[in-house]
């Protein structure tokens, strides 16, 4: 009796773990990381570009050399999930107090 129940429990556990693994493999990542400037040169901000042009430091723009190993590594990293941090919601009493202070400061 005990062995039969033990076997049934293990079979149920295996079935559940298999279904969970299958559903995880089917699901696609919601947030994916995207890398900027993979095949091009990084452009400086406008202010810095103006200063570089003024001082003659502006570098010649040429496309970046990417090796096949780097492209393969980038392809693998694009499937990684991005961690999204959520803003903390203010407590109701604090929100009420802040709204009261905003109204009070307008007067």
N, C-alpha and C. Protein backbone atom coordinates (compact mmCIF):
# COMPACT_ATOMS: atom_id res chain seq x y z
N UNK A 1 0.83 -1.19 0.00
CA UNK A 1 0.00 0.00 0.00
C UNK A 1 0.88 1.26 0.00
N UNK A 2 1.86 1.29 0.91
CA UNK A 2 2.75 2.45 1.01
C UNK A 2 3.54 2.64 -0.28
N UNK A 3 4.06 1.57 -0.84
CA UNK A 3 4.86 1.67 -2.06
C UNK A 3 4.02 2.16 -3.24
N UNK A 4 2.78 1.70 -3.30
CA UNK A 4 1.89 2.12 -4.38
C UNK A 4 1.60 3.63 -4.28
N UNK A 5 1.31 4.10 -3.08
CA UNK A 5 1.05 5.53 -2.87
C UNK A 5 2.30 6.37 -3.17
N UNK A 6 3.45 5.85 -2.77
CA UNK A 6 4.71 6.54 -3.04
C UNK A 6 4.97 6.65 -4.54
N UNK A 7 4.73 5.56 -5.26
CA UNK A 7 4.90 5.58 -6.71
C UNK A 7 3.93 6.56 -7.38
N UNK A 8 2.68 6.59 -6.89
CA UNK A 8 1.70 7.51 -7.45
C UNK A 8 2.11 8.96 -7.21
N UNK A 9 2.61 9.25 -6.01
CA UNK A 9 3.06 10.60 -5.69
C UNK A 9 4.21 11.03 -6.59
N UNK A 10 5.17 10.13 -6.77
CA UNK A 10 6.32 10.45 -7.63
C UNK A 10 5.90 10.65 -9.08
N UNK A 11 4.94 9.84 -9.54
CA UNK A 11 4.44 9.99 -10.91
C UNK A 11 3.74 11.34 -11.08
N UNK A 12 2.95 11.74 -10.09
CA UNK A 12 2.27 13.04 -10.16
C UNK A 12 3.29 14.17 -10.16
N UNK A 13 4.31 14.04 -9.32
CA UNK A 13 5.35 15.07 -9.26
C UNK A 13 6.08 15.19 -10.59
N UNK A 14 6.41 14.05 -11.19
CA UNK A 14 7.09 14.07 -12.50
C UNK A 14 6.20 14.71 -13.56
N UNK A 15 4.90 14.39 -13.53
CA UNK A 15 3.98 14.96 -14.52
C UNK A 15 3.86 16.48 -14.35
N UNK A 16 3.78 16.92 -13.11
CA UNK A 16 3.65 18.36 -12.85
C UNK A 16 4.92 19.10 -13.25
N UNK A 17 6.09 18.55 -12.89
CA UNK A 17 7.35 19.21 -13.25
C UNK A 17 7.53 19.26 -14.77
N UNK A 18 7.12 18.20 -15.45
CA UNK A 18 7.22 18.19 -16.91
C UNK A 18 6.32 19.26 -17.52
N UNK A 19 5.10 19.40 -17.00
CA UNK A 19 4.19 20.41 -17.55
C UNK A 19 4.69 21.82 -17.26
N UNK A 20 5.30 22.02 -16.09
CA UNK A 20 5.85 23.34 -15.76
C UNK A 20 7.02 23.67 -16.67
N UNK A 21 7.91 22.72 -16.89
CA UNK A 21 9.06 22.95 -17.78
C UNK A 21 8.59 23.25 -19.19
N UNK A 22 7.57 22.53 -19.64
CA UNK A 22 7.05 22.73 -20.99
C UNK A 22 6.43 24.12 -21.13
N UNK A 23 5.69 24.57 -20.13
CA UNK A 23 5.08 25.90 -20.21
C UNK A 23 6.13 27.00 -20.13
N UNK A 24 7.20 26.77 -19.37
CA UNK A 24 8.28 27.77 -19.29
C UNK A 24 9.04 27.85 -20.61
N UNK A 25 9.21 26.74 -21.28
CA UNK A 25 9.90 26.76 -22.57
C UNK A 25 9.05 27.46 -23.63
N UNK A 26 7.73 27.31 -23.54
CA UNK A 26 6.84 27.95 -24.51
C UNK A 26 6.78 29.45 -24.32
N UNK A 27 6.80 29.90 -23.07
CA UNK A 27 6.64 31.33 -22.79
C UNK A 27 7.86 32.10 -23.27
N UNK A 28 7.59 33.24 -23.89
CA UNK A 28 8.66 34.10 -24.39
C UNK A 28 8.96 35.16 -23.34
N UNK A 29 10.19 35.64 -23.28
CA UNK A 29 10.49 36.70 -22.31
C UNK A 29 9.75 37.99 -22.67
N UNK A 30 9.20 38.63 -21.67
CA UNK A 30 8.42 39.85 -21.89
C UNK A 30 9.35 41.02 -22.18
N UNK A 31 10.35 41.20 -21.33
CA UNK A 31 11.29 42.30 -21.50
C UNK A 31 12.63 41.74 -21.98
N UNK A 32 13.11 42.29 -23.06
CA UNK A 32 14.41 41.84 -23.56
C UNK A 32 15.36 43.02 -23.58
N UNK A 33 16.61 42.73 -23.35
CA UNK A 33 17.62 43.80 -23.38
C UNK A 33 18.03 44.07 -24.81
N UNK A 34 18.18 45.32 -25.13
CA UNK A 34 18.61 45.72 -26.46
C UNK A 34 19.89 46.54 -26.31
N UNK A 35 20.86 46.21 -27.12
CA UNK A 35 22.14 46.91 -27.05
C UNK A 35 22.20 47.99 -28.11
N UNK A 36 22.65 49.17 -27.70
CA UNK A 36 22.76 50.29 -28.63
C UNK A 36 24.14 50.29 -29.27
N UNK A 37 24.21 50.83 -30.44
CA UNK A 37 25.47 51.01 -31.16
C UNK A 37 26.21 49.69 -31.36
N UNK A 38 25.55 48.69 -31.89
CA UNK A 38 26.19 47.40 -32.12
C UNK A 38 27.11 47.48 -33.34
N UNK A 39 26.59 48.02 -34.43
CA UNK A 39 27.36 48.06 -35.67
C UNK A 39 27.77 49.47 -36.09
N UNK A 40 27.64 50.44 -35.21
CA UNK A 40 28.00 51.80 -35.58
C UNK A 40 28.82 52.44 -34.47
N UNK A 41 29.32 53.63 -34.77
CA UNK A 41 30.15 54.36 -33.81
C UNK A 41 29.24 55.12 -32.86
N UNK A 42 29.64 55.19 -31.61
CA UNK A 42 28.87 55.92 -30.62
C UNK A 42 29.03 57.41 -30.86
N UNK A 43 27.91 58.12 -30.93
CA UNK A 43 27.97 59.56 -31.16
C UNK A 43 27.99 60.28 -29.82
N UNK A 44 28.83 61.31 -29.68
CA UNK A 44 28.85 62.08 -28.43
C UNK A 44 27.62 62.99 -28.36
N UNK A 45 27.28 63.47 -27.17
CA UNK A 45 26.18 64.44 -27.05
C UNK A 45 26.49 65.71 -27.83
N UNK A 46 25.45 66.49 -28.12
CA UNK A 46 25.61 67.68 -28.96
C UNK A 46 26.61 68.66 -28.39
N UNK A 47 26.53 68.88 -27.09
CA UNK A 47 27.43 69.87 -26.48
C UNK A 47 28.89 69.44 -26.61
N UNK A 48 29.14 68.18 -26.40
CA UNK A 48 30.51 67.68 -26.49
C UNK A 48 30.98 67.67 -27.94
N UNK A 49 30.07 67.36 -28.88
CA UNK A 49 30.44 67.38 -30.30
C UNK A 49 30.81 68.79 -30.74
N UNK A 50 30.07 69.80 -30.22
CA UNK A 50 30.40 71.19 -30.56
C UNK A 50 31.77 71.58 -30.01
N UNK A 51 32.06 71.17 -28.79
CA UNK A 51 33.36 71.48 -28.19
C UNK A 51 34.48 70.79 -28.95
N UNK A 52 34.25 69.54 -29.34
CA UNK A 52 35.27 68.81 -30.09
C UNK A 52 35.49 69.44 -31.45
N UNK A 53 34.42 69.89 -32.11
CA UNK A 53 34.56 70.53 -33.41
C UNK A 53 35.29 71.86 -33.27
N UNK A 54 35.01 72.57 -32.19
CA UNK A 54 35.65 73.86 -31.95
C UNK A 54 37.15 73.69 -31.70
N UNK A 55 37.52 72.67 -30.96
CA UNK A 55 38.93 72.44 -30.62
C UNK A 55 39.65 71.54 -31.62
N UNK A 56 38.95 71.05 -32.62
CA UNK A 56 39.59 70.20 -33.62
C UNK A 56 39.87 68.79 -33.13
N UNK A 57 39.10 68.32 -32.18
CA UNK A 57 39.32 66.98 -31.63
C UNK A 57 38.35 65.97 -32.24
N UNK A 58 37.47 66.44 -33.10
CA UNK A 58 36.44 65.58 -33.66
C UNK A 58 37.07 64.41 -34.39
N UNK A 59 36.67 63.22 -34.02
CA UNK A 59 37.22 62.00 -34.62
C UNK A 59 36.48 61.67 -35.90
N UNK A 60 37.19 61.06 -36.83
CA UNK A 60 36.58 60.64 -38.08
C UNK A 60 35.63 59.48 -37.79
N UNK A 61 34.44 59.57 -38.39
CA UNK A 61 33.45 58.52 -38.15
C UNK A 61 33.72 57.35 -39.09
N UNK A 62 33.91 56.20 -38.52
CA UNK A 62 34.06 55.00 -39.33
C UNK A 62 33.32 53.86 -38.62
N UNK A 63 32.74 52.95 -39.36
CA UNK A 63 31.97 51.89 -38.72
C UNK A 63 32.85 51.00 -37.86
N UNK A 64 32.29 50.58 -36.76
CA UNK A 64 33.04 49.74 -35.82
C UNK A 64 33.20 48.33 -36.40
N UNK A 65 34.34 47.74 -36.13
CA UNK A 65 34.60 46.38 -36.58
C UNK A 65 34.04 45.40 -35.54
N UNK A 66 33.15 44.53 -35.97
CA UNK A 66 32.59 43.54 -35.05
C UNK A 66 33.02 42.17 -35.50
N UNK A 67 33.53 41.42 -34.57
CA UNK A 67 33.95 40.07 -34.91
C UNK A 67 32.76 39.12 -34.81
N UNK A 68 32.91 37.96 -35.40
CA UNK A 68 31.81 37.00 -35.38
C UNK A 68 31.54 36.49 -33.98
N UNK A 69 32.59 36.41 -33.15
CA UNK A 69 32.37 35.95 -31.77
C UNK A 69 31.58 36.97 -30.97
N UNK A 70 31.83 38.28 -31.23
CA UNK A 70 31.08 39.31 -30.51
C UNK A 70 29.62 39.31 -30.96
N UNK A 71 29.39 39.13 -32.24
CA UNK A 71 28.02 39.09 -32.75
C UNK A 71 27.27 37.91 -32.15
N UNK A 72 27.95 36.77 -32.03
CA UNK A 72 27.32 35.60 -31.43
C UNK A 72 27.00 35.85 -29.96
N UNK A 73 27.91 36.52 -29.25
CA UNK A 73 27.68 36.83 -27.83
C UNK A 73 26.52 37.80 -27.69
N UNK A 74 26.42 38.76 -28.59
CA UNK A 74 25.32 39.72 -28.54
C UNK A 74 23.99 39.04 -28.82
N UNK A 75 23.99 38.09 -29.73
CA UNK A 75 22.76 37.37 -30.04
C UNK A 75 22.28 36.58 -28.83
N UNK A 76 23.22 36.02 -28.08
CA UNK A 76 22.84 35.27 -26.88
C UNK A 76 22.33 36.21 -25.79
N UNK A 77 22.94 37.38 -25.65
CA UNK A 77 22.55 38.28 -24.57
C UNK A 77 21.23 38.98 -24.85
N UNK A 78 20.78 39.02 -26.09
CA UNK A 78 19.53 39.69 -26.39
C UNK A 78 18.33 38.93 -25.85
N UNK A 79 18.47 37.66 -25.58
CA UNK A 79 17.37 36.89 -25.02
C UNK A 79 17.25 37.04 -23.52
N UNK A 80 18.19 37.74 -22.90
CA UNK A 80 18.17 37.89 -21.44
C UNK A 80 17.01 38.78 -21.03
N UNK A 81 16.51 38.54 -19.85
CA UNK A 81 15.39 39.32 -19.35
C UNK A 81 15.89 40.59 -18.67
N UNK A 82 15.09 41.61 -18.80
CA UNK A 82 15.42 42.88 -18.18
C UNK A 82 14.64 43.00 -16.88
N UNK A 83 15.35 43.40 -15.84
CA UNK A 83 14.70 43.55 -14.55
C UNK A 83 14.07 44.93 -14.50
N UNK A 84 12.78 44.97 -14.23
CA UNK A 84 12.07 46.23 -14.18
C UNK A 84 11.78 46.58 -12.73
N UNK A 85 12.23 47.76 -12.31
CA UNK A 85 11.94 48.20 -10.94
C UNK A 85 10.69 49.06 -10.96
N UNK A 86 9.82 48.83 -10.00
CA UNK A 86 8.59 49.58 -9.93
C UNK A 86 8.72 50.70 -8.92
N UNK A 87 8.06 51.82 -9.21
CA UNK A 87 8.08 52.94 -8.29
C UNK A 87 7.25 52.57 -7.07
N UNK A 88 7.71 53.02 -5.92
CA UNK A 88 6.96 52.79 -4.70
C UNK A 88 5.73 53.69 -4.70
N UNK A 89 4.61 53.12 -4.34
CA UNK A 89 3.38 53.89 -4.27
C UNK A 89 3.32 54.56 -2.90
N UNK A 90 2.90 55.82 -2.88
CA UNK A 90 2.81 56.54 -1.62
C UNK A 90 1.66 55.98 -0.80
N UNK A 91 1.83 56.02 0.49
CA UNK A 91 0.78 55.58 1.39
C UNK A 91 -0.40 56.54 1.26
N UNK A 92 -1.62 56.05 1.46
CA UNK A 92 -2.80 56.90 1.28
C UNK A 92 -2.78 58.16 2.14
N UNK A 93 -2.37 58.03 3.40
CA UNK A 93 -2.35 59.19 4.28
C UNK A 93 -1.30 60.21 3.84
N UNK A 94 -0.16 59.72 3.37
CA UNK A 94 0.89 60.61 2.87
C UNK A 94 0.43 61.31 1.60
N UNK A 95 -0.25 60.60 0.71
CA UNK A 95 -0.76 61.21 -0.51
C UNK A 95 -1.78 62.29 -0.18
N UNK A 96 -2.63 62.02 0.79
CA UNK A 96 -3.63 63.00 1.22
C UNK A 96 -2.95 64.24 1.79
N UNK A 97 -1.93 64.04 2.61
CA UNK A 97 -1.20 65.16 3.21
C UNK A 97 -0.50 65.99 2.14
N UNK A 98 0.15 65.32 1.18
CA UNK A 98 0.85 66.05 0.12
C UNK A 98 -0.12 66.84 -0.75
N UNK A 99 -1.28 66.25 -1.06
CA UNK A 99 -2.26 66.98 -1.86
C UNK A 99 -2.79 68.19 -1.08
N UNK A 100 -2.97 68.03 0.23
CA UNK A 100 -3.40 69.15 1.07
C UNK A 100 -2.35 70.25 1.07
N UNK A 101 -1.07 69.88 1.17
CA UNK A 101 0.00 70.87 1.16
C UNK A 101 0.08 71.61 -0.18
N UNK A 102 -0.15 70.89 -1.28
CA UNK A 102 -0.14 71.54 -2.59
C UNK A 102 -1.24 72.59 -2.69
N UNK A 103 -2.44 72.22 -2.20
CA UNK A 103 -3.56 73.16 -2.23
C UNK A 103 -3.29 74.34 -1.31
N UNK A 104 -2.67 74.08 -0.18
CA UNK A 104 -2.42 75.12 0.81
C UNK A 104 -1.37 76.11 0.31
N UNK A 105 -0.37 75.62 -0.45
CA UNK A 105 0.68 76.49 -0.96
C UNK A 105 0.18 77.38 -2.10
N UNK A 106 -0.90 77.03 -2.76
CA UNK A 106 -1.44 77.83 -3.86
C UNK A 106 -2.05 79.13 -3.36
N UNK A 107 -2.51 79.12 -2.12
CA UNK A 107 -3.21 80.31 -1.58
C UNK A 107 -2.29 81.46 -1.37
